[in-house]
Amino acid sequence: MRKALIPLLLVLAVLTAGCFQLNFSSAPDDGDEPTTTLPGGGGNPPTTSLPIAGRFPVYIDGVEILLLESWPVQVKAVIRGSLPTPCHTLAWNLGEPDADGRIVLTVFSTVDLDQVCTQVLDPFEHTIDVGSFTSGAYVLVVNGVEYPFEI
């Protein structure tokens, strides 16, 4: 009788735990959510408000800096890597250059957490317009990795 009691209690505990719904998502209390740029067609990329908790990593394989022949020089960054799943969408935040010429580019992904998706890496290559700059030395910082360039 005692030997059967412990497995019976374990089975009862597992069945009881299955009856409760767990909510792992959280929303900001104040309603302020950052604006994030998502890639899109046309002249202006669309923007959307996404909670910071909805940011997921991207796996960057390489960054190439393109300097276009114009004045002021237009700078573009070609980012190659993989998204965690095909359901993730590439997104980024691009900061203004500081006094030292450092430009911070944070690349991440977003996803609808209610969507069911195949768990396989999704390769991407995307060109991000960094801006127009006059002569000088600059450093593009992409997710903490520095890529210096001169104009």
N, C-alpha and C. Protein backbone atom coordinates (compact mmCIF):
# COMPACT_ATOMS: atom_id res chain seq x y z
N MET A 1 0.82 -1.19 0.00
CA MET A 1 0.00 0.00 0.00
C MET A 1 0.87 1.26 0.00
N ARG A 2 1.91 1.30 0.84
CA ARG A 2 2.76 2.48 0.92
C ARG A 2 3.55 2.67 -0.37
N LYS A 3 4.00 1.58 -1.00
CA LYS A 3 4.76 1.69 -2.24
C LYS A 3 3.90 2.26 -3.37
N ALA A 4 2.66 2.02 -3.37
CA ALA A 4 1.75 2.53 -4.40
C ALA A 4 1.34 3.97 -4.12
N LEU A 5 1.47 4.44 -2.90
CA LEU A 5 1.05 5.79 -2.53
C LEU A 5 1.93 6.87 -3.17
N ILE A 6 3.24 6.68 -3.19
CA ILE A 6 4.15 7.70 -3.75
C ILE A 6 3.94 7.87 -5.25
N PRO A 7 3.91 6.80 -6.07
CA PRO A 7 3.63 7.02 -7.50
C PRO A 7 2.25 7.61 -7.73
N LEU A 8 1.28 7.25 -6.92
CA LEU A 8 -0.06 7.80 -7.07
C LEU A 8 -0.06 9.30 -6.80
N LEU A 9 0.66 9.74 -5.77
CA LEU A 9 0.77 11.17 -5.48
C LEU A 9 1.49 11.92 -6.59
N LEU A 10 2.53 11.33 -7.17
CA LEU A 10 3.24 11.97 -8.28
C LEU A 10 2.34 12.13 -9.50
N VAL A 11 1.59 11.11 -9.83
CA VAL A 11 0.67 11.18 -10.96
C VAL A 11 -0.40 12.23 -10.69
N LEU A 12 -0.92 12.29 -9.49
CA LEU A 12 -1.92 13.28 -9.13
C LEU A 12 -1.36 14.70 -9.22
N ALA A 13 -0.12 14.88 -8.79
CA ALA A 13 0.52 16.22 -8.87
C ALA A 13 0.71 16.65 -10.31
N VAL A 14 1.12 15.75 -11.19
CA VAL A 14 1.31 16.09 -12.61
C VAL A 14 -0.02 16.42 -13.26
N LEU A 15 -1.04 15.66 -12.98
CA LEU A 15 -2.36 15.94 -13.55
C LEU A 15 -2.93 17.26 -13.05
N THR A 16 -2.72 17.57 -11.80
CA THR A 16 -3.20 18.83 -11.22
C THR A 16 -2.46 20.01 -11.84
N ALA A 17 -1.16 19.86 -12.03
CA ALA A 17 -0.37 20.95 -12.62
C ALA A 17 -0.81 21.22 -14.05
N GLY A 18 -1.26 20.22 -14.76
CA GLY A 18 -1.72 20.40 -16.14
C GLY A 18 -3.02 21.17 -16.25
N CYS A 19 -3.73 21.35 -15.16
CA CYS A 19 -5.01 22.06 -15.18
C CYS A 19 -4.85 23.56 -15.06
N PHE A 20 -3.67 24.06 -14.76
CA PHE A 20 -3.46 25.49 -14.57
C PHE A 20 -2.75 26.08 -15.77
N GLN A 21 -3.18 27.29 -16.17
CA GLN A 21 -2.56 27.97 -17.30
C GLN A 21 -1.49 28.91 -16.76
N LEU A 22 -0.29 28.84 -17.36
CA LEU A 22 0.80 29.72 -16.98
C LEU A 22 0.92 30.83 -18.01
N ASN A 23 1.13 32.07 -17.55
CA ASN A 23 1.28 33.22 -18.43
C ASN A 23 2.68 33.77 -18.25
N PHE A 24 3.56 33.55 -19.24
CA PHE A 24 4.95 34.01 -19.15
C PHE A 24 5.17 35.37 -19.79
N SER A 25 4.17 35.93 -20.45
CA SER A 25 4.35 37.23 -21.09
C SER A 25 4.09 38.33 -20.07
N SER A 26 4.79 39.45 -20.28
CA SER A 26 4.59 40.59 -19.40
C SER A 26 4.48 41.84 -20.26
N ALA A 27 3.71 42.79 -19.80
CA ALA A 27 3.52 44.03 -20.53
C ALA A 27 3.96 45.18 -19.63
N PRO A 28 4.54 46.25 -20.22
CA PRO A 28 4.92 47.40 -19.40
C PRO A 28 3.69 48.02 -18.75
N ASP A 29 3.87 48.50 -17.52
CA ASP A 29 2.75 49.07 -16.78
C ASP A 29 2.40 50.48 -17.24
N ASP A 30 3.41 51.26 -17.69
CA ASP A 30 3.16 52.66 -18.00
C ASP A 30 2.68 52.88 -19.43
N GLY A 31 2.67 51.86 -20.28
CA GLY A 31 2.20 52.02 -21.64
C GLY A 31 3.24 52.55 -22.60
N ASP A 32 4.43 52.97 -22.12
CA ASP A 32 5.47 53.45 -23.00
C ASP A 32 6.22 52.28 -23.59
N GLU A 33 6.17 52.17 -24.90
CA GLU A 33 6.87 51.10 -25.58
C GLU A 33 7.77 51.73 -26.63
N PRO A 34 8.99 51.23 -26.82
CA PRO A 34 9.90 51.84 -27.79
C PRO A 34 9.41 51.63 -29.21
N THR A 35 9.78 52.56 -30.09
CA THR A 35 9.46 52.44 -31.50
C THR A 35 10.61 51.71 -32.18
N THR A 36 10.29 50.74 -32.98
CA THR A 36 11.27 49.88 -33.63
C THR A 36 11.08 49.96 -35.13
N THR A 37 12.17 49.99 -35.89
CA THR A 37 12.09 50.03 -37.33
C THR A 37 12.15 48.62 -37.88
N LEU A 38 11.18 48.29 -38.72
CA LEU A 38 11.14 47.00 -39.39
C LEU A 38 11.40 47.23 -40.87
N PRO A 39 12.07 46.29 -41.55
CA PRO A 39 12.33 46.49 -42.97
C PRO A 39 11.04 46.44 -43.76
N GLY A 40 11.00 47.21 -44.83
CA GLY A 40 9.81 47.22 -45.67
C GLY A 40 10.13 47.84 -47.01
N GLY A 41 9.20 47.77 -47.91
CA GLY A 41 9.41 48.34 -49.23
C GLY A 41 9.07 49.82 -49.22
N GLY A 42 9.38 50.47 -50.32
CA GLY A 42 9.05 51.88 -50.45
C GLY A 42 10.11 52.78 -49.84
N GLY A 43 9.78 54.07 -49.77
CA GLY A 43 10.74 55.05 -49.28
C GLY A 43 10.95 55.01 -47.79
N ASN A 44 9.88 54.92 -47.02
CA ASN A 44 10.01 54.93 -45.57
C ASN A 44 9.66 53.56 -45.01
N PRO A 45 10.58 52.98 -44.22
CA PRO A 45 10.24 51.68 -43.64
C PRO A 45 9.14 51.84 -42.61
N PRO A 46 8.28 50.85 -42.46
CA PRO A 46 7.19 50.95 -41.47
C PRO A 46 7.74 50.91 -40.06
N THR A 47 7.01 51.50 -39.15
CA THR A 47 7.39 51.43 -37.74
C THR A 47 6.24 50.79 -36.98
N THR A 48 6.59 50.19 -35.87
CA THR A 48 5.59 49.56 -35.03
C THR A 48 6.05 49.69 -33.60
N SER A 49 5.14 49.63 -32.67
CA SER A 49 5.50 49.65 -31.26
C SER A 49 5.55 48.23 -30.75
N LEU A 50 6.69 47.84 -30.26
CA LEU A 50 6.88 46.49 -29.75
C LEU A 50 7.44 46.57 -28.34
N PRO A 51 6.98 45.73 -27.43
CA PRO A 51 7.57 45.73 -26.11
C PRO A 51 8.99 45.18 -26.15
N ILE A 52 9.84 45.66 -25.26
CA ILE A 52 11.22 45.21 -25.23
C ILE A 52 11.27 43.70 -24.97
N ALA A 53 10.31 43.17 -24.23
CA ALA A 53 10.28 41.74 -23.96
C ALA A 53 10.10 40.94 -25.24
N GLY A 54 9.65 41.57 -26.33
CA GLY A 54 9.45 40.90 -27.60
C GLY A 54 10.68 40.89 -28.47
N ARG A 55 11.83 41.33 -27.96
CA ARG A 55 13.07 41.32 -28.73
C ARG A 55 13.77 39.98 -28.56
N PHE A 56 14.19 39.43 -29.69
CA PHE A 56 14.90 38.17 -29.69
C PHE A 56 16.19 38.34 -30.47
N PRO A 57 17.19 37.49 -30.24
CA PRO A 57 18.48 37.66 -30.90
C PRO A 57 18.43 37.30 -32.38
N VAL A 58 19.39 37.84 -33.12
CA VAL A 58 19.69 37.39 -34.46
C VAL A 58 21.14 36.89 -34.42
N TYR A 59 21.47 36.02 -35.33
CA TYR A 59 22.81 35.46 -35.37
C TYR A 59 23.52 36.07 -36.58
N ILE A 60 24.40 37.05 -36.31
CA ILE A 60 25.06 37.80 -37.37
C ILE A 60 26.33 37.06 -37.80
N ASP A 61 26.41 36.76 -39.10
CA ASP A 61 27.58 36.10 -39.65
C ASP A 61 28.60 37.10 -40.18
N GLY A 62 28.14 38.25 -40.66
CA GLY A 62 29.07 39.23 -41.20
C GLY A 62 28.40 40.56 -41.45
N VAL A 63 29.22 41.62 -41.43
CA VAL A 63 28.75 42.98 -41.71
C VAL A 63 29.70 43.58 -42.74
N GLU A 64 29.14 44.13 -43.81
CA GLU A 64 29.93 44.79 -44.84
C GLU A 64 29.47 46.24 -44.91
N ILE A 65 30.42 47.18 -44.89
CA ILE A 65 30.09 48.60 -44.94
C ILE A 65 30.29 49.07 -46.38
N LEU A 66 29.25 49.68 -46.94
CA LEU A 66 29.30 50.22 -48.30
C LEU A 66 29.35 51.73 -48.23
N LEU A 67 30.32 52.34 -48.91
CA LEU A 67 30.43 53.80 -49.02
C LEU A 67 30.06 54.17 -50.45
N LEU A 68 28.93 54.82 -50.62
CA LEU A 68 28.46 55.18 -51.95
C LEU A 68 29.12 56.46 -52.41
N GLU A 69 29.40 56.54 -53.71
CA GLU A 69 30.09 57.70 -54.27
C GLU A 69 29.11 58.85 -54.44
N SER A 70 29.02 59.68 -53.43
CA SER A 70 28.17 60.87 -53.44
C SER A 70 28.76 61.85 -52.43
N TRP A 71 28.21 63.06 -52.39
CA TRP A 71 28.64 63.99 -51.35
C TRP A 71 27.43 64.61 -50.73
N PRO A 72 27.23 64.53 -49.45
CA PRO A 72 28.05 63.75 -48.51
C PRO A 72 27.92 62.25 -48.80
N VAL A 73 28.92 61.54 -48.36
CA VAL A 73 28.99 60.11 -48.64
C VAL A 73 27.86 59.37 -47.91
N GLN A 74 27.13 58.53 -48.65
CA GLN A 74 26.07 57.72 -48.06
C GLN A 74 26.68 56.40 -47.60
N VAL A 75 26.36 56.01 -46.38
CA VAL A 75 26.90 54.78 -45.80
C VAL A 75 25.76 53.78 -45.60
N LYS A 76 26.01 52.55 -46.05
CA LYS A 76 25.04 51.48 -45.87
C LYS A 76 25.77 50.29 -45.24
N ALA A 77 25.05 49.52 -44.44
CA ALA A 77 25.59 48.31 -43.82
C ALA A 77 24.83 47.11 -44.35
N VAL A 78 25.56 46.16 -44.92
CA VAL A 78 24.95 44.91 -45.39
C VAL A 78 25.15 43.89 -44.28
N ILE A 79 24.05 43.46 -43.67
CA ILE A 79 24.08 42.52 -42.56
C ILE A 79 23.69 41.14 -43.08
N ARG A 80 24.54 40.14 -42.82
CA ARG A 80 24.25 38.75 -43.19
C ARG A 80 24.20 37.92 -41.93
N GLY A 81 23.20 37.04 -41.86
CA GLY A 81 23.09 36.20 -40.68
C GLY A 81 21.87 35.31 -40.76
N SER A 82 21.38 34.92 -39.60
CA SER A 82 20.22 34.03 -39.52
C SER A 82 19.26 34.50 -38.45
N LEU A 83 17.98 34.36 -38.74
CA LEU A 83 16.93 34.58 -37.75
C LEU A 83 16.67 33.26 -37.03
N PRO A 84 16.20 33.30 -35.78
CA PRO A 84 15.97 32.05 -35.03
C PRO A 84 14.98 31.10 -35.69
N THR A 85 13.93 31.64 -36.33
CA THR A 85 12.95 30.81 -37.05
C THR A 85 12.44 31.62 -38.24
N PRO A 86 11.77 30.99 -39.20
CA PRO A 86 11.18 31.73 -40.31
C PRO A 86 10.06 32.69 -39.87
N CYS A 87 9.51 32.51 -38.69
CA CYS A 87 8.44 33.38 -38.19
C CYS A 87 8.99 34.70 -37.62
N HIS A 88 10.28 34.77 -37.30
CA HIS A 88 10.88 35.99 -36.76
C HIS A 88 11.04 37.02 -37.87
N THR A 89 10.94 38.29 -37.50
CA THR A 89 11.10 39.40 -38.42
C THR A 89 12.32 40.22 -37.98
N LEU A 90 13.15 40.59 -38.93
CA LEU A 90 14.34 41.40 -38.64
C LEU A 90 13.93 42.82 -38.27
N ALA A 91 14.58 43.37 -37.24
CA ALA A 91 14.31 44.74 -36.80
C ALA A 91 15.62 45.33 -36.28
N TRP A 92 15.67 46.67 -36.16
CA TRP A 92 16.89 47.31 -35.67
C TRP A 92 16.59 48.69 -35.12
N ASN A 93 17.52 49.17 -34.30
CA ASN A 93 17.52 50.54 -33.79
C ASN A 93 18.86 51.14 -34.19
N LEU A 94 18.84 52.30 -34.82
CA LEU A 94 20.06 52.98 -35.27
C LEU A 94 20.19 54.30 -34.53
N GLY A 95 21.30 54.46 -33.80
CA GLY A 95 21.55 55.69 -33.07
C GLY A 95 22.26 56.72 -33.92
N GLU A 96 22.25 57.94 -33.45
CA GLU A 96 22.98 59.03 -34.11
C GLU A 96 24.46 58.94 -33.75
N PRO A 97 25.36 59.43 -34.63
CA PRO A 97 26.79 59.41 -34.29
C PRO A 97 27.07 60.31 -33.09
N ASP A 98 27.94 59.84 -32.19
CA ASP A 98 28.31 60.68 -31.04
C ASP A 98 29.51 61.53 -31.42
N ALA A 99 30.07 62.25 -30.46
CA ALA A 99 31.19 63.16 -30.71
C ALA A 99 32.43 62.42 -31.19
N ASP A 100 32.58 61.14 -30.84
CA ASP A 100 33.74 60.35 -31.25
C ASP A 100 33.51 59.64 -32.58
N GLY A 101 32.36 59.83 -33.21
CA GLY A 101 32.07 59.19 -34.49
C GLY A 101 31.57 57.76 -34.36
N ARG A 102 31.09 57.39 -33.18
CA ARG A 102 30.56 56.03 -32.97
C ARG A 102 29.06 56.02 -33.29
N ILE A 103 28.66 55.07 -34.12
CA ILE A 103 27.27 54.90 -34.51
C ILE A 103 26.84 53.52 -34.02
N VAL A 104 25.86 53.46 -33.15
CA VAL A 104 25.42 52.20 -32.55
C VAL A 104 24.20 51.68 -33.30
N LEU A 105 24.34 50.46 -33.83
CA LEU A 105 23.26 49.77 -34.53
C LEU A 105 22.95 48.49 -33.78
N THR A 106 21.72 48.40 -33.24
CA THR A 106 21.29 47.21 -32.52
C THR A 106 20.34 46.43 -33.43
N VAL A 107 20.74 45.21 -33.78
CA VAL A 107 19.94 44.37 -34.68
C VAL A 107 19.34 43.24 -33.84
N PHE A 108 18.03 43.01 -34.01
CA PHE A 108 17.34 41.98 -33.25
C PHE A 108 16.18 41.46 -34.09
N SER A 109 15.43 40.54 -33.55
CA SER A 109 14.26 40.02 -34.25
C SER A 109 13.03 40.12 -33.36
N THR A 110 11.87 40.11 -34.00
CA THR A 110 10.61 40.13 -33.28
C THR A 110 9.77 38.97 -33.80
N VAL A 111 8.81 38.54 -33.01
CA VAL A 111 7.97 37.42 -33.41
C VAL A 111 6.64 37.49 -32.68
N ASP A 112 5.60 37.00 -33.32
CA ASP A 112 4.30 36.84 -32.68
C ASP A 112 4.39 35.59 -31.81
N LEU A 113 4.30 35.76 -30.50
CA LEU A 113 4.50 34.64 -29.58
C LEU A 113 3.40 33.60 -29.66
N ASP A 114 2.25 33.93 -30.25
CA ASP A 114 1.16 32.98 -30.37
C ASP A 114 1.27 32.12 -31.63
N GLN A 115 2.23 32.43 -32.49
CA GLN A 115 2.36 31.73 -33.76
C GLN A 115 3.17 30.44 -33.60
N VAL A 116 2.71 29.39 -34.24
CA VAL A 116 3.43 28.11 -34.25
C VAL A 116 4.37 28.13 -35.44
N CYS A 117 5.65 27.78 -35.21
CA CYS A 117 6.63 27.91 -36.26
C CYS A 117 7.65 26.77 -36.22
N THR A 118 8.17 26.43 -37.38
CA THR A 118 9.22 25.43 -37.49
C THR A 118 10.49 25.95 -36.83
N GLN A 119 11.14 25.12 -36.02
CA GLN A 119 12.34 25.53 -35.29
C GLN A 119 13.57 25.25 -36.16
N VAL A 120 13.84 26.17 -37.08
CA VAL A 120 14.98 26.06 -37.99
C VAL A 120 15.48 27.48 -38.26
N LEU A 121 16.81 27.63 -38.39
CA LEU A 121 17.37 28.95 -38.68
C LEU A 121 16.95 29.41 -40.06
N ASP A 122 16.71 30.73 -40.20
CA ASP A 122 16.29 31.31 -41.46
C ASP A 122 17.34 32.35 -41.89
N PRO A 123 18.18 32.04 -42.89
CA PRO A 123 19.23 32.98 -43.29
C PRO A 123 18.65 34.25 -43.90
N PHE A 124 19.37 35.36 -43.72
CA PHE A 124 18.94 36.64 -44.29
C PHE A 124 20.17 37.43 -44.72
N GLU A 125 19.92 38.38 -45.61
CA GLU A 125 20.89 39.41 -45.99
C GLU A 125 20.08 40.67 -46.19
N HIS A 126 20.42 41.72 -45.42
CA HIS A 126 19.64 42.95 -45.48
C HIS A 126 20.57 44.15 -45.46
N THR A 127 20.23 45.17 -46.25
CA THR A 127 21.00 46.41 -46.32
C THR A 127 20.29 47.48 -45.50
N ILE A 128 21.03 48.07 -44.56
CA ILE A 128 20.48 49.11 -43.69
C ILE A 128 21.16 50.43 -44.03
N ASP A 129 20.37 51.47 -44.27
CA ASP A 129 20.91 52.80 -44.56
C ASP A 129 21.37 53.43 -43.25
N VAL A 130 22.69 53.63 -43.11
CA VAL A 130 23.25 54.19 -41.88
C VAL A 130 23.14 55.70 -41.87
N GLY A 131 23.28 56.34 -43.04
CA GLY A 131 23.16 57.79 -43.13
C GLY A 131 24.17 58.39 -44.07
N SER A 132 24.23 59.73 -44.10
CA SER A 132 25.17 60.46 -44.93
C SER A 132 26.16 61.18 -44.03
N PHE A 133 27.46 61.10 -44.38
CA PHE A 133 28.50 61.65 -43.52
C PHE A 133 29.53 62.40 -44.34
N THR A 134 30.14 63.43 -43.71
CA THR A 134 31.25 64.14 -44.32
C THR A 134 32.54 63.43 -43.93
N SER A 135 33.67 63.98 -44.36
CA SER A 135 34.95 63.30 -44.12
C SER A 135 35.24 63.15 -42.63
N GLY A 136 35.91 62.05 -42.31
CA GLY A 136 36.26 61.77 -40.92
C GLY A 136 36.36 60.28 -40.68
N ALA A 137 36.70 59.92 -39.47
CA ALA A 137 36.79 58.51 -39.06
C ALA A 137 35.57 58.17 -38.22
N TYR A 138 34.95 57.06 -38.53
CA TYR A 138 33.74 56.63 -37.85
C TYR A 138 33.88 55.17 -37.44
N VAL A 139 33.06 54.74 -36.48
CA VAL A 139 33.00 53.35 -36.05
C VAL A 139 31.53 52.96 -35.98
N LEU A 140 31.17 51.96 -36.77
CA LEU A 140 29.82 51.40 -36.70
C LEU A 140 29.86 50.24 -35.71
N VAL A 141 29.07 50.32 -34.65
CA VAL A 141 29.03 49.27 -33.63
C VAL A 141 27.73 48.49 -33.83
N VAL A 142 27.86 47.23 -34.29
CA VAL A 142 26.71 46.38 -34.56
C VAL A 142 26.66 45.30 -33.48
N ASN A 143 25.67 45.40 -32.61
CA ASN A 143 25.49 44.44 -31.51
C ASN A 143 26.78 44.24 -30.72
N GLY A 144 27.50 45.34 -30.46
CA GLY A 144 28.70 45.29 -29.64
C GLY A 144 29.99 45.05 -30.39
N VAL A 145 29.94 44.73 -31.68
CA VAL A 145 31.15 44.50 -32.47
C VAL A 145 31.43 45.76 -33.30
N GLU A 146 32.69 46.25 -33.26
CA GLU A 146 33.06 47.50 -33.93
C GLU A 146 33.55 47.25 -35.34
N TYR A 147 33.08 48.12 -36.27
CA TYR A 147 33.49 48.09 -37.66
C TYR A 147 33.92 49.51 -38.05
N PRO A 148 35.23 49.83 -37.99
CA PRO A 148 35.68 51.18 -38.30
C PRO A 148 35.68 51.43 -39.82
N PHE A 149 35.46 52.70 -40.18
CA PHE A 149 35.56 53.10 -41.59
C PHE A 149 35.92 54.57 -41.64
N GLU A 150 36.54 54.98 -42.75
CA GLU A 150 36.94 56.38 -42.96
C GLU A 150 36.35 56.90 -44.25
N ILE A 151 36.04 58.18 -44.23
CA ILE A 151 35.51 58.84 -45.43
C ILE A 151 36.50 59.91 -45.83
